[in-house]
Amino acid sequence: MFKNKWAKRCLVLFIFYFLCFYVLPLDAFARVSGGRSSGSRGSRSSTPPGSYSTPRQAQPTPPPSQPLSQPAPQPQSSLLRGVMGGIMGGMLGGMLFRSLGFGSDLGGEGGGIGIFEILLIGALLFGIYWYIKRRRQAAAANAYYQSSIGTTEPSYQTSYGQSYQQPREEERDLGKGLSYIRQMDSSFDEKKFQDGCMDQFFKIQGAWANRDMSGAKNLLTEEMLRIIQDDAEKLKSEKRINKLENIAVRSVDIVEAWQESGKDYITVKFYANLLDYTVDESTGQVVSGSKTEPVKFEEYWTFTRPVGNNPWQLSAINQAE
């Protein structure tokens, strides 16, 4: 009774949507750099920026027996995603292959699908979803436990009774890099630098939205100017406009600072949200993104300059992993 075209189409659509929304989620948003990593970070180009924090006072650590708060969700393993994508892609291809009339001898007359096959496929999909969910929960709980308890640095007591926490290696590296920059530029101030980064963030995003980077060329290294302008020209050739609206920068944090080859480098982490969508130039119709659903994102922007009191330029954009 289920051996008809309607049942086939429903099953194929179900597999397609499961594949898109649970196994192979894609980032369809654009903004500057198209949501990808680009540019140069000098000798650290092959090393992704780390989420380093400044030294802080020690906080009480809960004992292992104390209930932990709900862990933050962790991203799904890329290997598992690839395996699941392969399974689902094979199933989808097989369904389409049979729906065209091939291999009918394997599925009965006309390649129809029986109720047993539908139940079997449904059970398999549910099993995959359950397995992924359990793996996510286990990984999140373990990561949270390790970050809250297992990686806590030893604290020390001062003569005044105040406790402090020994900074991690990354924190010492950040402090050392900033001190080197101050040695060559006594006027350097972290707060002013962060404010300047935010100003450059808005100016570069505005130039990108206008598909003309000439107004922001002094804020970019030659390499970044070429990369972003090429992307803007591609939008022009496709007669599309990337709209960036209601940009709100929630935080700007310095995460790396170093010197090499006569240049200063500082990487900052932007945490922001905005409306990011692309429209057709002639019709104004939205072709990707959303005019109503804001996008939250984290990106690492690396700025460089010749050592000393010189203007900073954007040299790289890296996506948070």
C-alpha atoms as a PDB file:
ATOM      1  CA  MET A   1       0.000   0.000   0.000  1.00  0.00           C
ATOM      2  CA  PHE A   2       3.032   2.281   0.395  1.00  0.00           C
ATOM      3  CA  LYS A   3       4.418   1.365  -2.992  1.00  0.00           C
ATOM      4  CA  ASN A   4       3.619   4.640  -4.739  1.00  0.00           C
ATOM      5  CA  LYS A   5       5.340   7.823  -5.803  1.00  0.00           C
ATOM      6  CA  TRP A   6       3.960   9.858  -2.887  1.00  0.00           C
ATOM      7  CA  ALA A   7       5.611   7.616  -0.294  1.00  0.00           C
ATOM      8  CA  LYS A   8       8.898   7.703  -2.192  1.00  0.00           C
ATOM      9  CA  ARG A   9       8.940  11.487  -2.363  1.00  0.00           C
ATOM     10  CA  CYS A  10       8.098  11.896   1.321  1.00  0.00           C
ATOM     11  CA  LEU A  11      10.880   9.545   2.331  1.00  0.00           C
ATOM     12  CA  VAL A  12      13.450  11.214   0.060  1.00  0.00           C
ATOM     13  CA  LEU A  13      12.480  14.667   1.405  1.00  0.00           C
ATOM     14  CA  PHE A  14      12.737  13.424   4.980  1.00  0.00           C
ATOM     15  CA  ILE A  15      16.246  12.096   4.378  1.00  0.00           C
ATOM     16  CA  PHE A  16      17.227  15.326   2.617  1.00  0.00           C
ATOM     17  CA  TYR A  17      16.101  17.564   5.474  1.00  0.00           C
ATOM     18  CA  PHE A  18      17.705  15.296   8.062  1.00  0.00           C
ATOM     19  CA  LEU A  19      20.943  15.469   6.080  1.00  0.00           C
ATOM     20  CA  CYS A  20      20.855  19.264   5.887  1.00  0.00           C
ATOM     21  CA  PHE A  21      19.770  20.199   9.398  1.00  0.00           C
ATOM     22  CA  TYR A  22      21.280  17.481  11.602  1.00  0.00           C
ATOM     23  CA  VAL A  23      24.341  16.129   9.819  1.00  0.00           C
ATOM     24  CA  LEU A  24      25.674  18.749   7.409  1.00  0.00           C
ATOM     25  CA  PRO A  25      24.802  22.204   8.779  1.00  0.00           C
ATOM     26  CA  LEU A  26      26.302  24.963   6.624  1.00  0.00           C
ATOM     27  CA  ASP A  27      27.152  28.593   7.328  1.00  0.00           C
ATOM     28  CA  ALA A  28      25.397  30.551   4.600  1.00  0.00           C
ATOM     29  CA  PHE A  29      26.419  33.989   5.838  1.00  0.00           C
ATOM     30  CA  ALA A  30      28.944  36.245   4.170  1.00  0.00           C
ATOM     31  CA  ARG A  31      30.313  39.465   5.833  1.00  0.00           C
ATOM     32  CA  VAL A  32      33.979  40.445   5.355  1.00  0.00           C
ATOM     33  CA  SER A  33      36.134  37.440   4.338  1.00  0.00           C
ATOM     34  CA  GLY A  34      32.986  35.393   3.612  1.00  0.00           C
ATOM     35  CA  GLY A  35      33.097  33.709   7.017  1.00  0.00           C
ATOM     36  CA  ARG A  36      36.434  32.032   6.226  1.00  0.00           C
ATOM     37  CA  SER A  37      40.017  32.495   7.417  1.00  0.00           C
ATOM     38  CA  SER A  38      42.354  34.556   5.253  1.00  0.00           C
ATOM     39  CA  GLY A  39      45.472  36.717   5.377  1.00  0.00           C
ATOM     40  CA  SER A  40      48.820  36.350   7.144  1.00  0.00           C
ATOM     41  CA  ARG A  41      49.824  36.208  10.809  1.00  0.00           C
ATOM     42  CA  GLY A  42      53.544  36.131  10.150  1.00  0.00           C
ATOM     43  CA  SER A  43      55.252  33.068  11.606  1.00  0.00           C
ATOM     44  CA  ARG A  44      52.006  32.177  13.432  1.00  0.00           C
ATOM     45  CA  SER A  45      49.964  31.816  10.243  1.00  0.00           C
ATOM     46  CA  SER A  46      49.839  28.055  10.591  1.00  0.00           C
ATOM     47  CA  THR A  47      48.758  28.258  14.245  1.00  0.00           C
ATOM     48  CA  PRO A  48      45.151  29.229  14.969  1.00  0.00           C
ATOM     49  CA  PRO A  49      44.724  32.030  17.501  1.00  0.00           C
ATOM     50  CA  GLY A  50      44.040  30.896  21.065  1.00  0.00           C
ATOM     51  CA  SER A  51      41.380  32.248  23.395  1.00  0.00           C
ATOM     52  CA  TYR A  52      43.768  33.589  25.980  1.00  0.00           C
ATOM     53  CA  SER A  53      42.655  35.656  28.939  1.00  0.00           C
ATOM     54  CA  THR A  54      44.510  38.153  31.103  1.00  0.00           C
ATOM     55  CA  PRO A  55      45.744  37.018  34.543  1.00  0.00           C
ATOM     56  CA  ARG A  56      43.001  37.089  37.118  1.00  0.00           C
ATOM     57  CA  GLN A  57      42.528  36.458  40.801  1.00  0.00           C
ATOM     58  CA  ALA A  58      41.856  32.890  41.819  1.00  0.00           C
ATOM     59  CA  GLN A  59      38.235  31.868  42.136  1.00  0.00           C
ATOM     60  CA  PRO A  60      36.953  29.158  44.502  1.00  0.00           C
ATOM     61  CA  THR A  61      37.002  25.773  42.805  1.00  0.00           C
ATOM     62  CA  PRO A  62      34.002  23.498  43.479  1.00  0.00           C
ATOM     63  CA  PRO A  63      34.852  20.030  44.828  1.00  0.00           C
ATOM     64  CA  PRO A  64      34.437  17.116  42.404  1.00  0.00           C
ATOM     65  CA  SER A  65      31.347  15.905  44.260  1.00  0.00           C
ATOM     66  CA  GLN A  66      29.545  19.224  43.811  1.00  0.00           C
ATOM     67  CA  PRO A  67      26.946  19.125  41.008  1.00  0.00           C
ATOM     68  CA  LEU A  68      28.121  20.931  37.934  1.00  0.00           C
ATOM     69  CA  SER A  69      25.986  23.395  36.055  1.00  0.00           C
ATOM     70  CA  GLN A  70      24.644  22.522  32.656  1.00  0.00           C
ATOM     71  CA  PRO A  71      27.600  22.230  30.253  1.00  0.00           C
ATOM     72  CA  ALA A  72      27.805  24.342  27.166  1.00  0.00           C
ATOM     73  CA  PRO A  73      27.184  22.433  23.923  1.00  0.00           C
ATOM     74  CA  GLN A  74      30.285  21.364  22.057  1.00  0.00           C
ATOM     75  CA  PRO A  75      30.643  21.236  18.276  1.00  0.00           C
ATOM     76  CA  GLN A  76      30.092  17.875  16.647  1.00  0.00           C
ATOM     77  CA  SER A  77      33.193  15.974  15.629  1.00  0.00           C
ATOM     78  CA  SER A  78      34.121  16.623  11.984  1.00  0.00           C
ATOM     79  CA  LEU A  79      35.049  12.952  11.546  1.00  0.00           C
ATOM     80  CA  LEU A  80      31.678  11.790  12.844  1.00  0.00           C
ATOM     81  CA  ARG A  81      29.954  14.355  10.645  1.00  0.00           C
ATOM     82  CA  GLY A  82      31.810  13.010   7.624  1.00  0.00           C
ATOM     83  CA  VAL A  83      30.854   9.417   8.407  1.00  0.00           C
ATOM     84  CA  MET A  84      27.211  10.326   8.948  1.00  0.00           C
ATOM     85  CA  GLY A  85      27.242  12.445   5.794  1.00  0.00           C
ATOM     86  CA  GLY A  86      28.581   9.499   3.811  1.00  0.00           C
ATOM     87  CA  ILE A  87      25.904   7.166   5.160  1.00  0.00           C
ATOM     88  CA  MET A  88      23.095   9.609   4.519  1.00  0.00           C
ATOM     89  CA  GLY A  89      24.463  10.581   1.110  1.00  0.00           C
ATOM     90  CA  GLY A  90      24.612   6.917   0.090  1.00  0.00           C
ATOM     91  CA  MET A  91      21.045   6.324   1.246  1.00  0.00           C
ATOM     92  CA  LEU A  92      19.787   9.414  -0.546  1.00  0.00           C
ATOM     93  CA  GLY A  93      21.621   8.483  -3.728  1.00  0.00           C
ATOM     94  CA  GLY A  94      20.259   4.963  -3.548  1.00  0.00           C
ATOM     95  CA  MET A  95      16.687   6.223  -3.141  1.00  0.00           C
ATOM     96  CA  LEU A  96      17.021   8.590  -6.097  1.00  0.00           C
ATOM     97  CA  PHE A  97      18.651   5.826  -8.179  1.00  0.00           C
ATOM     98  CA  ARG A  98      15.804   3.429  -7.516  1.00  0.00           C
ATOM     99  CA  SER A  99      13.146   6.103  -8.015  1.00  0.00           C
ATOM    100  CA  LEU A 100      14.402   6.465 -11.596  1.00  0.00           C
ATOM    101  CA  GLY A 101      13.599   2.821 -12.250  1.00  0.00           C
ATOM    102  CA  PHE A 102      17.036   1.274 -11.827  1.00  0.00           C
ATOM    103  CA  GLY A 103      17.556  -1.779  -9.699  1.00  0.00           C
ATOM    104  CA  SER A 104      13.865  -2.636  -9.580  1.00  0.00           C
ATOM    105  CA  ASP A 105      14.692  -6.291  -9.180  1.00  0.00           C
ATOM    106  CA  LEU A 106      16.160  -5.505  -5.762  1.00  0.00           C
ATOM    107  CA  GLY A 107      13.131  -3.709  -4.397  1.00  0.00           C
ATOM    108  CA  GLY A 108      10.185  -5.483  -5.916  1.00  0.00           C
ATOM    109  CA  GLU A 109       8.094  -4.513  -8.904  1.00  0.00           C
ATOM    110  CA  GLY A 110       8.746  -0.946 -10.021  1.00  0.00           C
ATOM    111  CA  GLY A 111      11.332  -0.386  -7.287  1.00  0.00           C
ATOM    112  CA  GLY A 112       8.614   0.242  -4.690  1.00  0.00           C
ATOM    113  CA  ILE A 113       9.314   0.665  -1.020  1.00  0.00           C
ATOM    114  CA  GLY A 114       7.486  -1.410   1.536  1.00  0.00           C
ATOM    115  CA  ILE A 115       6.429  -0.474   5.068  1.00  0.00           C
ATOM    116  CA  PHE A 116       9.238  -2.622   6.503  1.00  0.00           C
ATOM    117  CA  GLU A 117      11.876  -0.652   4.567  1.00  0.00           C
ATOM    118  CA  ILE A 118      10.434   2.666   5.739  1.00  0.00           C
ATOM    119  CA  LEU A 119      10.423   1.532   9.372  1.00  0.00           C
ATOM    120  CA  LEU A 120      13.968   0.228   9.047  1.00  0.00           C
ATOM    121  CA  ILE A 121      15.258   3.498   7.584  1.00  0.00           C
ATOM    122  CA  GLY A 122      13.376   5.496  10.220  1.00  0.00           C
ATOM    123  CA  ALA A 123      14.915   3.398  12.994  1.00  0.00           C
ATOM    124  CA  LEU A 124      18.376   3.883  11.488  1.00  0.00           C
ATOM    125  CA  LEU A 125      17.946   7.666  11.325  1.00  0.00           C
ATOM    126  CA  PHE A 126      16.721   7.769  14.911  1.00  0.00           C
ATOM    127  CA  GLY A 127      19.685   5.658  16.001  1.00  0.00           C
ATOM    128  CA  ILE A 128      22.121   8.021  14.287  1.00  0.00           C
ATOM    129  CA  TYR A 129      20.489  11.063  15.908  1.00  0.00           C
ATOM    130  CA  TRP A 130      20.516   9.421  19.354  1.00  0.00           C
ATOM    131  CA  TYR A 131      24.178   8.407  18.983  1.00  0.00           C
ATOM    132  CA  ILE A 132      25.252  11.929  17.969  1.00  0.00           C
ATOM    133  CA  LYS A 133      23.271  13.458  20.838  1.00  0.00           C
ATOM    134  CA  ARG A 134      24.818  11.142  23.428  1.00  0.00           C
ATOM    135  CA  ARG A 135      28.334  11.792  22.107  1.00  0.00           C
ATOM    136  CA  ARG A 136      27.758  15.547  22.296  1.00  0.00           C
ATOM    137  CA  GLN A 137      26.495  15.349  25.871  1.00  0.00           C
ATOM    138  CA  ALA A 138      29.390  13.153  26.998  1.00  0.00           C
ATOM    139  CA  ALA A 139      32.011  15.362  25.328  1.00  0.00           C
ATOM    140  CA  ALA A 140      30.459  18.536  26.746  1.00  0.00           C
ATOM    141  CA  ALA A 141      30.322  17.152  30.289  1.00  0.00           C
ATOM    142  CA  ASN A 142      33.936  15.972  30.122  1.00  0.00           C
ATOM    143  CA  ALA A 143      35.202  19.280  28.668  1.00  0.00           C
ATOM    144  CA  TYR A 144      33.332  21.282  31.295  1.00  0.00           C
ATOM    145  CA  TYR A 145      34.652  19.124  34.131  1.00  0.00           C
ATOM    146  CA  GLN A 146      38.223  19.434  32.863  1.00  0.00           C
ATOM    147  CA  SER A 147      37.989  23.218  32.414  1.00  0.00           C
ATOM    148  CA  SER A 148      36.353  23.742  35.808  1.00  0.00           C
ATOM    149  CA  ILE A 149      38.477  21.359  37.878  1.00  0.00           C
ATOM    150  CA  GLY A 150      41.230  19.543  36.031  1.00  0.00           C
ATOM    151  CA  THR A 151      42.977  22.561  34.473  1.00  0.00           C
ATOM    152  CA  THR A 152      42.864  24.920  37.440  1.00  0.00           C
ATOM    153  CA  GLU A 153      46.225  26.511  38.017  1.00  0.00           C
ATOM    154  CA  PRO A 154      47.691  26.369  41.554  1.00  0.00           C
ATOM    155  CA  SER A 155      46.915  29.420  43.714  1.00  0.00           C
ATOM    156  CA  TYR A 156      49.269  31.082  46.136  1.00  0.00           C
ATOM    157  CA  GLN A 157      48.872  33.154  49.313  1.00  0.00           C
ATOM    158  CA  THR A 158      50.520  36.569  49.651  1.00  0.00           C
ATOM    159  CA  SER A 159      51.804  38.064  52.893  1.00  0.00           C
ATOM    160  CA  TYR A 160      48.656  40.214  53.004  1.00  0.00           C
ATOM    161  CA  GLY A 161      46.357  37.217  52.917  1.00  0.00           C
ATOM    162  CA  GLN A 162      45.277  37.734  49.286  1.00  0.00           C
ATOM    163  CA  SER A 163      45.271  34.736  46.970  1.00  0.00           C
ATOM    164  CA  TYR A 164      46.264  34.930  43.349  1.00  0.00           C
ATOM    165  CA  GLN A 165      46.459  32.434  40.546  1.00  0.00           C
ATOM    166  CA  GLN A 166      49.641  31.673  38.685  1.00  0.00           C
ATOM    167  CA  PRO A 167      49.189  32.785  35.043  1.00  0.00           C
ATOM    168  CA  ARG A 168      49.247  30.122  32.360  1.00  0.00           C
ATOM    169  CA  GLU A 169      51.946  29.989  29.701  1.00  0.00           C
ATOM    170  CA  GLU A 170      49.694  31.734  27.145  1.00  0.00           C
ATOM    171  CA  GLU A 171      49.026  34.570  29.585  1.00  0.00           C
ATOM    172  CA  ARG A 172      52.722  35.063  30.242  1.00  0.00           C
ATOM    173  CA  ASP A 173      53.330  35.069  26.477  1.00  0.00           C
ATOM    174  CA  LEU A 174      50.656  37.740  25.982  1.00  0.00           C
ATOM    175  CA  GLY A 175      52.041  39.933  28.757  1.00  0.00           C
ATOM    176  CA  LYS A 176      55.565  39.571  27.392  1.00  0.00           C
ATOM    177  CA  GLY A 177      54.457  40.509  23.881  1.00  0.00           C
ATOM    178  CA  LEU A 178      52.646  43.626  25.092  1.00  0.00           C
ATOM    179  CA  SER A 179      55.674  44.691  27.151  1.00  0.00           C
ATOM    180  CA  TYR A 180      57.905  44.438  24.062  1.00  0.00           C
ATOM    181  CA  ILE A 181      55.488  46.621  22.115  1.00  0.00           C
ATOM    182  CA  ARG A 182      55.475  49.228  24.915  1.00  0.00           C
ATOM    183  CA  GLN A 183      59.273  49.301  24.948  1.00  0.00           C
ATOM    184  CA  MET A 184      59.299  50.511  21.347  1.00  0.00           C
ATOM    185  CA  ASP A 185      56.176  52.675  21.694  1.00  0.00           C
ATOM    186  CA  SER A 186      55.728  54.251  25.124  1.00  0.00           C
ATOM    187  CA  SER A 187      52.393  55.763  24.049  1.00  0.00           C
ATOM    188  CA  PHE A 188      50.795  52.362  23.424  1.00  0.00           C
ATOM    189  CA  ASP A 189      47.632  51.869  25.488  1.00  0.00           C
ATOM    190  CA  GLU A 190      45.572  48.682  25.408  1.00  0.00           C
ATOM    191  CA  LYS A 191      42.224  50.422  25.867  1.00  0.00           C
ATOM    192  CA  LYS A 192      42.902  52.917  23.083  1.00  0.00           C
ATOM    193  CA  PHE A 193      44.079  50.085  20.862  1.00  0.00           C
ATOM    194  CA  GLN A 194      40.846  48.128  21.470  1.00  0.00           C
ATOM    195  CA  ASP A 195      38.773  51.221  20.686  1.00  0.00           C
ATOM    196  CA  GLY A 196      40.776  51.708  17.500  1.00  0.00           C
ATOM    197  CA  CYS A 197      40.165  48.072  16.525  1.00  0.00           C
ATOM    198  CA  MET A 198      36.421  48.562  16.920  1.00  0.00           C
ATOM    199  CA  ASP A 199      36.538  51.678  14.715  1.00  0.00           C
ATOM    200  CA  GLN A 200      38.439  49.772  12.034  1.00  0.00           C
ATOM    201  CA  PHE A 201      36.004  46.862  12.319  1.00  0.00           C
ATOM    202  CA  PHE A 202      33.055  49.129  11.442  1.00  0.00           C
ATOM    203  CA  LYS A 203      34.909  50.978   8.669  1.00  0.00           C
ATOM    204  CA  ILE A 204      36.047  47.761   6.980  1.00  0.00           C
ATOM    205  CA  GLN A 205      32.589  46.176   7.256  1.00  0.00           C
ATOM    206  CA  GLY A 206      31.047  49.354   5.783  1.00  0.00           C
ATOM    207  CA  ALA A 207      33.453  49.391   2.832  1.00  0.00           C
ATOM    208  CA  TRP A 208      32.727  45.698   2.219  1.00  0.00           C
ATOM    209  CA  ALA A 209      28.967  46.299   2.196  1.00  0.00           C
ATOM    210  CA  ASN A 210      29.538  49.008  -0.453  1.00  0.00           C
ATOM    211  CA  ARG A 211      31.657  46.538  -2.497  1.00  0.00           C
ATOM    212  CA  ASP A 212      34.446  49.120  -2.669  1.00  0.00           C
ATOM    213  CA  MET A 213      37.459  48.805  -0.372  1.00  0.00           C
ATOM    214  CA  SER A 214      39.224  51.936  -1.612  1.00  0.00           C
ATOM    215  CA  GLY A 215      37.941  53.946   1.372  1.00  0.00           C
ATOM    216  CA  ALA A 216      39.504  51.463   3.784  1.00  0.00           C
ATOM    217  CA  LYS A 217      42.707  50.593   1.922  1.00  0.00           C
ATOM    218  CA  ASN A 218      44.893  52.335   4.524  1.00  0.00           C
ATOM    219  CA  LEU A 219      43.421  50.032   7.186  1.00  0.00           C
ATOM    220  CA  LEU A 220      44.452  46.842   5.360  1.00  0.00           C
ATOM    221  CA  THR A 221      47.718  45.220   4.378  1.00  0.00           C
ATOM    222  CA  GLU A 222      48.230  44.814   0.639  1.00  0.00           C
ATOM    223  CA  GLU A 223      47.386  41.108   0.889  1.00  0.00           C
ATOM    224  CA  MET A 224      44.126  41.660   2.787  1.00  0.00           C
ATOM    225  CA  LEU A 225      43.119  44.511   0.497  1.00  0.00           C
ATOM    226  CA  ARG A 226      43.544  42.250  -2.524  1.00  0.00           C
ATOM    227  CA  ILE A 227      41.638  39.342  -0.941  1.00  0.00           C
ATOM    228  CA  ILE A 228      38.660  41.392   0.224  1.00  0.00           C
ATOM    229  CA  GLN A 229      38.487  43.487  -2.956  1.00  0.00           C
ATOM    230  CA  ASP A 230      38.498  40.316  -5.075  1.00  0.00           C
ATOM    231  CA  ASP A 231      35.537  39.045  -3.040  1.00  0.00           C
ATOM    232  CA  ALA A 232      33.763  42.374  -3.530  1.00  0.00           C
ATOM    233  CA  GLU A 233      34.352  42.226  -7.291  1.00  0.00           C
ATOM    234  CA  LYS A 234      32.914  38.721  -7.365  1.00  0.00           C
ATOM    235  CA  LEU A 235      29.742  40.019  -5.698  1.00  0.00           C
ATOM    236  CA  LYS A 236      29.539  42.766  -8.304  1.00  0.00           C
ATOM    237  CA  SER A 237      29.904  40.294 -11.170  1.00  0.00           C
ATOM    238  CA  GLU A 238      27.101  38.177  -9.686  1.00  0.00           C
ATOM    239  CA  LYS A 239      24.992  41.333  -9.229  1.00  0.00           C
ATOM    240  CA  ARG A 240      24.591  40.679  -5.536  1.00  0.00           C
ATOM    241  CA  ILE A 241      24.914  42.923  -2.483  1.00  0.00           C
ATOM    242  CA  ASN A 242      25.856  41.679   0.974  1.00  0.00           C
ATOM    243  CA  LYS A 243      23.824  43.651   3.528  1.00  0.00           C
ATOM    244  CA  LEU A 244      25.251  44.090   7.033  1.00  0.00           C
ATOM    245  CA  GLU A 245      22.859  45.792   9.425  1.00  0.00           C
ATOM    246  CA  ASN A 246      22.435  46.368  13.167  1.00  0.00           C
ATOM    247  CA  ILE A 247      26.038  45.464  13.922  1.00  0.00           C
ATOM    248  CA  ALA A 248      26.639  45.175  17.672  1.00  0.00           C
ATOM    249  CA  VAL A 249      30.131  44.382  18.951  1.00  0.00           C
ATOM    250  CA  ARG A 250      29.758  42.738  22.364  1.00  0.00           C
ATOM    251  CA  SER A 251      33.441  42.424  23.215  1.00  0.00           C
ATOM    252  CA  VAL A 252      36.926  43.110  21.854  1.00  0.00           C
ATOM    253  CA  ASP A 253      39.641  41.118  23.662  1.00  0.00           C
ATOM    254  CA  ILE A 254      43.389  41.107  23.031  1.00  0.00           C
ATOM    255  CA  VAL A 255      44.454  37.450  22.876  1.00  0.00           C
ATOM    256  CA  GLU A 256      47.949  37.514  21.338  1.00  0.00           C
ATOM    257  CA  ALA A 257      50.802  40.011  21.017  1.00  0.00           C
ATOM    258  CA  TRP A 258      54.292  39.484  19.619  1.00  0.00           C
ATOM    259  CA  GLN A 259      57.067  40.990  17.506  1.00  0.00           C
ATOM    260  CA  GLU A 260      58.959  39.536  14.559  1.00  0.00           C
ATOM    261  CA  SER A 261      60.909  40.789  11.556  1.00  0.00           C
ATOM    262  CA  GLY A 262      60.652  44.402  12.704  1.00  0.00           C
ATOM    263  CA  LYS A 263      56.853  44.301  13.047  1.00  0.00           C
ATOM    264  CA  ASP A 264      54.325  44.350  15.877  1.00  0.00           C
ATOM    265  CA  TYR A 265      51.433  41.870  15.781  1.00  0.00           C
ATOM    266  CA  ILE A 266      48.317  41.875  17.958  1.00  0.00           C
ATOM    267  CA  THR A 267      45.357  39.517  17.583  1.00  0.00           C
ATOM    268  CA  VAL A 268      41.980  40.486  19.012  1.00  0.00           C
ATOM    269  CA  LYS A 269      38.836  38.399  19.355  1.00  0.00           C
ATOM    270  CA  PHE A 270      35.612  40.053  18.240  1.00  0.00           C
ATOM    271  CA  TYR A 271      32.343  38.740  19.614  1.00  0.00           C
ATOM    272  CA  ALA A 272      29.507  40.386  17.715  1.00  0.00           C
ATOM    273  CA  ASN A 273      26.092  39.944  16.169  1.00  0.00           C
ATOM    274  CA  LEU A 274      24.469  41.483  13.119  1.00  0.00           C
ATOM    275  CA  LEU A 275      21.939  40.985  10.358  1.00  0.00           C
ATOM    276  CA  ASP A 276      23.889  39.410   7.510  1.00  0.00           C
ATOM    277  CA  TYR A 277      22.101  38.647   4.258  1.00  0.00           C
ATOM    278  CA  THR A 278      22.687  38.891   0.515  1.00  0.00           C
ATOM    279  CA  VAL A 279      20.203  40.323  -1.985  1.00  0.00           C
ATOM    280  CA  ASP A 280      19.903  40.284  -5.763  1.00  0.00           C
ATOM    281  CA  GLU A 281      20.960  43.702  -7.082  1.00  0.00           C
ATOM    282  CA  SER A 282      18.185  43.962  -9.677  1.00  0.00           C
ATOM    283  CA  THR A 283      15.235  42.543  -7.737  1.00  0.00           C
ATOM    284  CA  GLY A 284      16.232  43.208  -4.119  1.00  0.00           C
ATOM    285  CA  GLN A 285      15.197  39.641  -3.249  1.00  0.00           C
ATOM    286  CA  VAL A 286      17.091  37.873  -0.450  1.00  0.00           C
ATOM    287  CA  VAL A 287      19.191  35.028  -1.869  1.00  0.00           C
ATOM    288  CA  SER A 288      20.985  33.980   1.341  1.00  0.00           C
ATOM    289  CA  GLY A 289      20.925  34.835   5.033  1.00  0.00           C
ATOM    290  CA  SER A 290      18.025  36.484   6.846  1.00  0.00           C
ATOM    291  CA  LYS A 291      16.734  40.048   7.230  1.00  0.00           C
ATOM    292  CA  THR A 292      15.174  39.240  10.598  1.00  0.00           C
ATOM    293  CA  GLU A 293      17.381  36.627  12.314  1.00  0.00           C
ATOM    294  CA  PRO A 294      20.632  38.116  13.694  1.00  0.00           C
ATOM    295  CA  VAL A 295      23.858  36.137  13.401  1.00  0.00           C
ATOM    296  CA  LYS A 296      26.241  35.759  16.360  1.00  0.00           C
ATOM    297  CA  PHE A 297      29.871  35.090  15.567  1.00  0.00           C
ATOM    298  CA  GLU A 298      33.411  35.123  16.959  1.00  0.00           C
ATOM    299  CA  GLU A 299      36.346  36.077  14.781  1.00  0.00           C
ATOM    300  CA  TYR A 300      40.039  36.712  15.381  1.00  0.00           C
ATOM    301  CA  TRP A 301      41.444  39.793  13.630  1.00  0.00           C
ATOM    302  CA  THR A 302      45.225  40.228  13.545  1.00  0.00           C
ATOM    303  CA  PHE A 303      46.648  43.724  13.164  1.00  0.00           C
ATOM    304  CA  THR A 304      50.248  44.575  12.308  1.00  0.00           C
ATOM    305  CA  ARG A 305      52.513  47.595  11.892  1.00  0.00           C
ATOM    306  CA  PRO A 306      56.218  48.425  11.697  1.00  0.00           C
ATOM    307  CA  VAL A 307      57.688  48.483  15.214  1.00  0.00           C
ATOM    308  CA  GLY A 308      57.100  51.848  16.884  1.00  0.00           C
ATOM    309  CA  ASN A 309      54.326  54.442  16.938  1.00  0.00           C
ATOM    310  CA  ASN A 310      52.860  53.604  13.518  1.00  0.00           C
ATOM    311  CA  PRO A 311      49.321  52.989  12.178  1.00  0.00           C
ATOM    312  CA  TRP A 312      47.883  49.490  12.544  1.00  0.00           C
ATOM    313  CA  GLN A 313      46.607  47.510   9.554  1.00  0.00           C
ATOM    314  CA  LEU A 314      44.482  44.375   9.384  1.00  0.00           C
ATOM    315  CA  SER A 315      46.627  41.468   8.184  1.00  0.00           C
ATOM    316  CA  ALA A 316      44.440  38.400   8.832  1.00  0.00           C
ATOM    317  CA  ILE A 317      40.967  37.191   9.792  1.00  0.00           C
ATOM    318  CA  ASN A 318      40.569  33.773  11.421  1.00  0.00           C
ATOM    319  CA  GLN A 319      37.370  31.979  12.320  1.00  0.00           C
ATOM    320  CA  ALA A 320      36.865  30.631  15.840  1.00  0.00           C
ATOM    321  CA  GLU A 321      37.128  26.825  15.886  1.00  0.00           C
END
